[in-house]
Amino acid sequence: MTYGELKQRQNWKLKQKIDHSVIVVSSFMERIQSKIFVSYSRRKTIYAHWT
């Protein structure tokens, strides 16, 4: 990702960010053929575990 792409993504609306995240996680899950469990903390930390 280039610096320009990063700046563009930072300006996305929340819905765009969520939609993009769903696509990226779904693609990853399909590629590794596994289940992913994701949890979020109050401090915006994302924890992921796959089996």
N, C-alpha and C. Protein backbone atom coordinates (compact mmCIF):
# COMPACT_ATOMS: atom_id res chain seq x y z
N MET A 1 0.84 -1.16 0.00
CA MET A 1 0.00 0.00 0.00
C MET A 1 0.90 1.23 0.00
N THR A 2 0.57 2.16 -0.85
CA THR A 2 1.34 3.39 -0.91
C THR A 2 0.83 4.38 0.14
N TYR A 3 1.61 5.42 0.37
CA TYR A 3 1.20 6.46 1.31
C TYR A 3 -0.09 7.12 0.84
N GLY A 4 -0.21 7.34 -0.46
CA GLY A 4 -1.43 7.94 -1.01
C GLY A 4 -2.66 7.08 -0.79
N GLU A 5 -2.50 5.75 -0.96
CA GLU A 5 -3.61 4.83 -0.71
C GLU A 5 -4.01 4.84 0.76
N LEU A 6 -3.02 4.89 1.64
CA LEU A 6 -3.30 4.95 3.07
C LEU A 6 -4.10 6.21 3.41
N LYS A 7 -3.68 7.35 2.91
CA LYS A 7 -4.39 8.60 3.18
C LYS A 7 -5.81 8.55 2.64
N GLN A 8 -5.98 7.93 1.47
CA GLN A 8 -7.31 7.81 0.88
C GLN A 8 -8.21 6.92 1.75
N ARG A 9 -7.67 5.80 2.21
CA ARG A 9 -8.46 4.88 3.05
C ARG A 9 -8.79 5.50 4.40
N GLN A 10 -7.91 6.32 4.92
CA GLN A 10 -8.19 6.97 6.19
C GLN A 10 -9.37 7.93 6.07
N ASN A 11 -9.64 8.40 4.90
CA ASN A 11 -10.75 9.32 4.67
C ASN A 11 -12.06 8.62 4.33
N TRP A 12 -12.03 7.29 4.25
CA TRP A 12 -13.26 6.54 3.96
C TRP A 12 -14.27 6.74 5.08
N LYS A 13 -15.53 6.63 4.72
CA LYS A 13 -16.61 6.61 5.70
C LYS A 13 -16.53 5.29 6.47
N LEU A 14 -17.14 5.26 7.65
CA LEU A 14 -17.10 4.05 8.48
C LEU A 14 -17.65 2.85 7.73
N LYS A 15 -18.74 3.01 7.00
CA LYS A 15 -19.34 1.89 6.25
C LYS A 15 -18.36 1.34 5.23
N GLN A 16 -17.62 2.20 4.56
CA GLN A 16 -16.63 1.74 3.58
C GLN A 16 -15.54 0.93 4.28
N LYS A 17 -15.10 1.38 5.45
CA LYS A 17 -14.06 0.67 6.19
C LYS A 17 -14.55 -0.70 6.63
N ILE A 18 -15.79 -0.77 7.11
CA ILE A 18 -16.36 -2.04 7.55
C ILE A 18 -16.51 -2.99 6.36
N ASP A 19 -17.05 -2.49 5.25
CA ASP A 19 -17.22 -3.33 4.06
C ASP A 19 -15.88 -3.87 3.58
N HIS A 20 -14.87 -3.02 3.55
CA HIS A 20 -13.54 -3.45 3.12
C HIS A 20 -12.98 -4.52 4.05
N SER A 21 -13.16 -4.31 5.37
CA SER A 21 -12.67 -5.28 6.35
C SER A 21 -13.34 -6.64 6.18
N VAL A 22 -14.64 -6.64 5.93
CA VAL A 22 -15.37 -7.89 5.74
C VAL A 22 -14.83 -8.62 4.52
N ILE A 23 -14.58 -7.91 3.44
CA ILE A 23 -14.05 -8.53 2.22
C ILE A 23 -12.66 -9.11 2.46
N VAL A 24 -11.80 -8.36 3.15
CA VAL A 24 -10.43 -8.82 3.40
C VAL A 24 -10.43 -10.06 4.29
N VAL A 25 -11.21 -10.04 5.37
CA VAL A 25 -11.26 -11.18 6.28
C VAL A 25 -11.87 -12.39 5.58
N SER A 26 -12.93 -12.19 4.80
CA SER A 26 -13.55 -13.30 4.07
C SER A 26 -12.57 -13.93 3.09
N SER A 27 -11.83 -13.10 2.40
CA SER A 27 -10.83 -13.59 1.44
C SER A 27 -9.75 -14.40 2.16
N PHE A 28 -9.30 -13.89 3.30
CA PHE A 28 -8.28 -14.60 4.08
C PHE A 28 -8.81 -15.94 4.57
N MET A 29 -10.03 -15.95 5.08
CA MET A 29 -10.63 -17.19 5.56
C MET A 29 -10.74 -18.22 4.45
N GLU A 30 -11.14 -17.77 3.28
CA GLU A 30 -11.27 -18.68 2.14
C GLU A 30 -9.91 -19.25 1.75
N ARG A 31 -8.89 -18.39 1.79
CA ARG A 31 -7.56 -18.81 1.40
C ARG A 31 -6.97 -19.84 2.36
N ILE A 32 -7.19 -19.68 3.66
CA ILE A 32 -6.61 -20.61 4.62
C ILE A 32 -7.58 -21.73 5.00
N GLN A 33 -8.81 -21.65 4.49
CA GLN A 33 -9.85 -22.65 4.75
C GLN A 33 -9.95 -22.94 6.25
N SER A 34 -10.22 -21.91 7.00
CA SER A 34 -10.27 -22.03 8.45
C SER A 34 -11.34 -21.12 9.03
N LYS A 35 -11.59 -21.29 10.31
CA LYS A 35 -12.51 -20.42 11.02
C LYS A 35 -11.71 -19.37 11.79
N ILE A 36 -12.18 -18.15 11.74
CA ILE A 36 -11.50 -17.07 12.43
C ILE A 36 -12.44 -16.51 13.49
N PHE A 37 -11.92 -16.34 14.68
CA PHE A 37 -12.67 -15.75 15.77
C PHE A 37 -12.05 -14.39 16.06
N VAL A 38 -12.86 -13.36 16.01
CA VAL A 38 -12.36 -12.00 16.19
C VAL A 38 -13.09 -11.36 17.36
N SER A 39 -12.33 -10.65 18.19
CA SER A 39 -12.94 -9.89 19.27
C SER A 39 -12.28 -8.52 19.32
N TYR A 40 -13.01 -7.57 19.84
CA TYR A 40 -12.54 -6.19 19.91
C TYR A 40 -12.54 -5.73 21.36
N SER A 41 -11.51 -5.02 21.74
CA SER A 41 -11.48 -4.47 23.08
C SER A 41 -11.99 -3.03 23.04
N ARG A 42 -12.19 -2.47 24.18
CA ARG A 42 -12.65 -1.07 24.25
C ARG A 42 -11.60 -0.09 23.77
N ARG A 43 -10.38 -0.53 23.73
CA ARG A 43 -9.28 0.35 23.29
C ARG A 43 -8.96 0.19 21.81
N LYS A 44 -9.91 -0.33 21.07
CA LYS A 44 -9.79 -0.50 19.62
C LYS A 44 -8.74 -1.53 19.21
N THR A 45 -8.43 -2.45 20.10
CA THR A 45 -7.51 -3.52 19.77
C THR A 45 -8.31 -4.68 19.20
N ILE A 46 -7.79 -5.29 18.16
CA ILE A 46 -8.47 -6.42 17.53
C ILE A 46 -7.66 -7.67 17.83
N TYR A 47 -8.34 -8.70 18.35
CA TYR A 47 -7.72 -9.98 18.62
C TYR A 47 -8.30 -11.00 17.65
N ALA A 48 -7.45 -11.73 16.97
CA ALA A 48 -7.93 -12.74 16.03
C ALA A 48 -7.25 -14.07 16.33
N HIS A 49 -8.02 -15.12 16.19
CA HIS A 49 -7.50 -16.48 16.39
C HIS A 49 -8.13 -17.36 15.31
N TRP A 50 -7.32 -18.12 14.62
CA TRP A 50 -7.89 -19.02 13.63
C TRP A 50 -7.48 -20.44 13.93
N THR A 51 -8.37 -21.35 13.54
CA THR A 51 -8.15 -22.78 13.81
C THR A 51 -8.10 -23.56 12.52
